[in-house]
């Protein structure tokens, strides 16, 4: 007879509330942000493009680290990334004449 912890036995049952959808939403948003950041290459100087991509990479690493302890925060990371991108591009165009 198989016990409940055996390979073929039924183990712990998962409820819908055990897994949050927000980290998945956040990383899909980060993928979309990557295309936004990468597509700004034709109208930004190389140093600004490098800075933007390093910021995106740091935000992605932070989002992955927040996956389990703070799943709702992961969904806000792409929102902040889009706001940062907009401010950097706007400031570069207005102040530096990109």
C-alpha atoms as a PDB file:
ATOM      1  CA  UNK A   1       0.000   0.000   0.000  1.00  0.00           C
ATOM      2  CA  UNK A   2       1.356   3.391  -0.950  1.00  0.00           C
ATOM      3  CA  UNK A   3       1.602   6.123   1.624  1.00  0.00           C
ATOM      4  CA  UNK A   4       0.547   9.702   0.965  1.00  0.00           C
ATOM      5  CA  UNK A   5       4.168  10.807   0.520  1.00  0.00           C
ATOM      6  CA  UNK A   6       5.185   8.145  -1.974  1.00  0.00           C
ATOM      7  CA  UNK A   7       5.995   8.887  -5.565  1.00  0.00           C
ATOM      8  CA  UNK A   8       2.660   7.730  -6.937  1.00  0.00           C
ATOM      9  CA  UNK A   9       0.539   8.791  -3.991  1.00  0.00           C
ATOM     10  CA  UNK A  10      -1.355  12.031  -3.765  1.00  0.00           C
ATOM     11  CA  UNK A  11       0.752  14.618  -2.094  1.00  0.00           C
ATOM     12  CA  UNK A  12      -0.231  18.090  -1.009  1.00  0.00           C
ATOM     13  CA  UNK A  13      -3.105  19.589  -2.941  1.00  0.00           C
ATOM     14  CA  UNK A  14      -2.616  23.099  -4.226  1.00  0.00           C
ATOM     15  CA  UNK A  15      -5.273  25.731  -4.024  1.00  0.00           C
ATOM     16  CA  UNK A  16      -5.677  28.597  -6.466  1.00  0.00           C
ATOM     17  CA  UNK A  17      -4.622  30.995  -3.735  1.00  0.00           C
ATOM     18  CA  UNK A  18      -1.258  29.234  -3.329  1.00  0.00           C
ATOM     19  CA  UNK A  19       0.091  30.644  -6.603  1.00  0.00           C
ATOM     20  CA  UNK A  20      -0.153  34.335  -7.378  1.00  0.00           C
ATOM     21  CA  UNK A  21      -0.543  35.435 -11.021  1.00  0.00           C
ATOM     22  CA  UNK A  22       1.172  38.802 -10.411  1.00  0.00           C
ATOM     23  CA  UNK A  23       4.783  37.667 -10.920  1.00  0.00           C
ATOM     24  CA  UNK A  24       3.834  36.255 -14.318  1.00  0.00           C
ATOM     25  CA  UNK A  25       2.129  39.527 -15.242  1.00  0.00           C
ATOM     26  CA  UNK A  26       5.202  41.438 -14.112  1.00  0.00           C
ATOM     27  CA  UNK A  27       7.667  39.423 -16.158  1.00  0.00           C
ATOM     28  CA  UNK A  28       5.507  39.652 -19.272  1.00  0.00           C
ATOM     29  CA  UNK A  29       5.551  43.410 -18.688  1.00  0.00           C
ATOM     30  CA  UNK A  30       9.329  43.321 -18.325  1.00  0.00           C
ATOM     31  CA  UNK A  31       9.595  41.557 -21.683  1.00  0.00           C
ATOM     32  CA  UNK A  32       7.495  44.317 -23.231  1.00  0.00           C
ATOM     33  CA  UNK A  33       9.697  46.922 -21.533  1.00  0.00           C
ATOM     34  CA  UNK A  34      12.775  45.314 -23.045  1.00  0.00           C
ATOM     35  CA  UNK A  35      11.444  45.921 -26.541  1.00  0.00           C
ATOM     36  CA  UNK A  36      10.627  49.513 -25.597  1.00  0.00           C
ATOM     37  CA  UNK A  37      14.129  50.077 -24.222  1.00  0.00           C
ATOM     38  CA  UNK A  38      15.825  48.327 -27.167  1.00  0.00           C
ATOM     39  CA  UNK A  39      13.738  50.186 -29.762  1.00  0.00           C
ATOM     40  CA  UNK A  40      14.996  53.527 -28.458  1.00  0.00           C
ATOM     41  CA  UNK A  41      18.486  52.795 -29.842  1.00  0.00           C
ATOM     42  CA  UNK A  42      18.073  54.753 -33.107  1.00  0.00           C
ATOM     43  CA  UNK A  43      17.408  58.049 -31.337  1.00  0.00           C
ATOM     44  CA  UNK A  44      19.572  57.785 -28.203  1.00  0.00           C
ATOM     45  CA  UNK A  45      23.357  58.006 -27.917  1.00  0.00           C
ATOM     46  CA  UNK A  46      25.255  54.815 -27.166  1.00  0.00           C
ATOM     47  CA  UNK A  47      25.955  55.752 -23.544  1.00  0.00           C
ATOM     48  CA  UNK A  48      22.279  56.464 -22.841  1.00  0.00           C
ATOM     49  CA  UNK A  49      21.235  53.220 -24.501  1.00  0.00           C
ATOM     50  CA  UNK A  50      23.769  51.311 -22.413  1.00  0.00           C
ATOM     51  CA  UNK A  51      22.507  52.991 -19.244  1.00  0.00           C
ATOM     52  CA  UNK A  52      18.886  52.172 -20.127  1.00  0.00           C
ATOM     53  CA  UNK A  53      19.668  48.509 -20.759  1.00  0.00           C
ATOM     54  CA  UNK A  54      21.670  48.231 -17.516  1.00  0.00           C
ATOM     55  CA  UNK A  55      18.715  49.762 -15.647  1.00  0.00           C
ATOM     56  CA  UNK A  56      16.369  47.285 -17.328  1.00  0.00           C
ATOM     57  CA  UNK A  57      18.637  44.382 -16.364  1.00  0.00           C
ATOM     58  CA  UNK A  58      18.810  45.554 -12.739  1.00  0.00           C
ATOM     59  CA  UNK A  59      15.015  45.900 -12.619  1.00  0.00           C
ATOM     60  CA  UNK A  60      14.585  42.408 -14.075  1.00  0.00           C
ATOM     61  CA  UNK A  61      16.942  40.911 -11.496  1.00  0.00           C
ATOM     62  CA  UNK A  62      15.021  42.714  -8.731  1.00  0.00           C
ATOM     63  CA  UNK A  63      11.699  41.434 -10.113  1.00  0.00           C
ATOM     64  CA  UNK A  64      12.961  37.844 -10.163  1.00  0.00           C
ATOM     65  CA  UNK A  65      14.221  38.155  -6.600  1.00  0.00           C
ATOM     66  CA  UNK A  66      10.807  39.461  -5.505  1.00  0.00           C
ATOM     67  CA  UNK A  67       8.981  36.558  -7.211  1.00  0.00           C
ATOM     68  CA  UNK A  68       8.172  34.568  -4.062  1.00  0.00           C
ATOM     69  CA  UNK A  69       8.437  37.024  -1.145  1.00  0.00           C
ATOM     70  CA  UNK A  70       6.622  39.959  -2.789  1.00  0.00           C
ATOM     71  CA  UNK A  71       4.609  38.781  -5.817  1.00  0.00           C
ATOM     72  CA  UNK A  72       2.468  41.925  -6.117  1.00  0.00           C
ATOM     73  CA  UNK A  73       5.548  44.161  -6.281  1.00  0.00           C
ATOM     74  CA  UNK A  74       6.748  42.277  -9.359  1.00  0.00           C
ATOM     75  CA  UNK A  75       3.749  43.580 -11.312  1.00  0.00           C
ATOM     76  CA  UNK A  76       4.710  47.186 -10.477  1.00  0.00           C
ATOM     77  CA  UNK A  77       8.290  46.873 -11.740  1.00  0.00           C
ATOM     78  CA  UNK A  78       7.391  47.241 -15.457  1.00  0.00           C
ATOM     79  CA  UNK A  79       5.169  50.224 -14.650  1.00  0.00           C
ATOM     80  CA  UNK A  80       8.126  51.935 -13.000  1.00  0.00           C
ATOM     81  CA  UNK A  81      10.384  50.924 -15.918  1.00  0.00           C
ATOM     82  CA  UNK A  82       8.062  52.537 -18.457  1.00  0.00           C
ATOM     83  CA  UNK A  83       7.915  55.716 -16.358  1.00  0.00           C
ATOM     84  CA  UNK A  84      11.723  55.813 -16.095  1.00  0.00           C
ATOM     85  CA  UNK A  85      12.063  55.243 -19.852  1.00  0.00           C
ATOM     86  CA  UNK A  86       9.628  58.065 -20.587  1.00  0.00           C
ATOM     87  CA  UNK A  87      11.428  60.496 -18.265  1.00  0.00           C
ATOM     88  CA  UNK A  88      14.872  59.624 -19.653  1.00  0.00           C
ATOM     89  CA  UNK A  89      13.765  59.948 -23.284  1.00  0.00           C
ATOM     90  CA  UNK A  90      11.843  63.163 -22.625  1.00  0.00           C
ATOM     91  CA  UNK A  91      14.707  64.723 -20.660  1.00  0.00           C
ATOM     92  CA  UNK A  92      17.237  63.671 -23.297  1.00  0.00           C
ATOM     93  CA  UNK A  93      15.167  65.177 -26.075  1.00  0.00           C
ATOM     94  CA  UNK A  94      14.357  68.385 -24.205  1.00  0.00           C
ATOM     95  CA  UNK A  95      17.661  69.052 -22.478  1.00  0.00           C
ATOM     96  CA  UNK A  96      20.295  67.275 -24.565  1.00  0.00           C
ATOM     97  CA  UNK A  97      18.767  67.552 -28.033  1.00  0.00           C
ATOM     98  CA  UNK A  98      18.664  63.873 -28.946  1.00  0.00           C
END
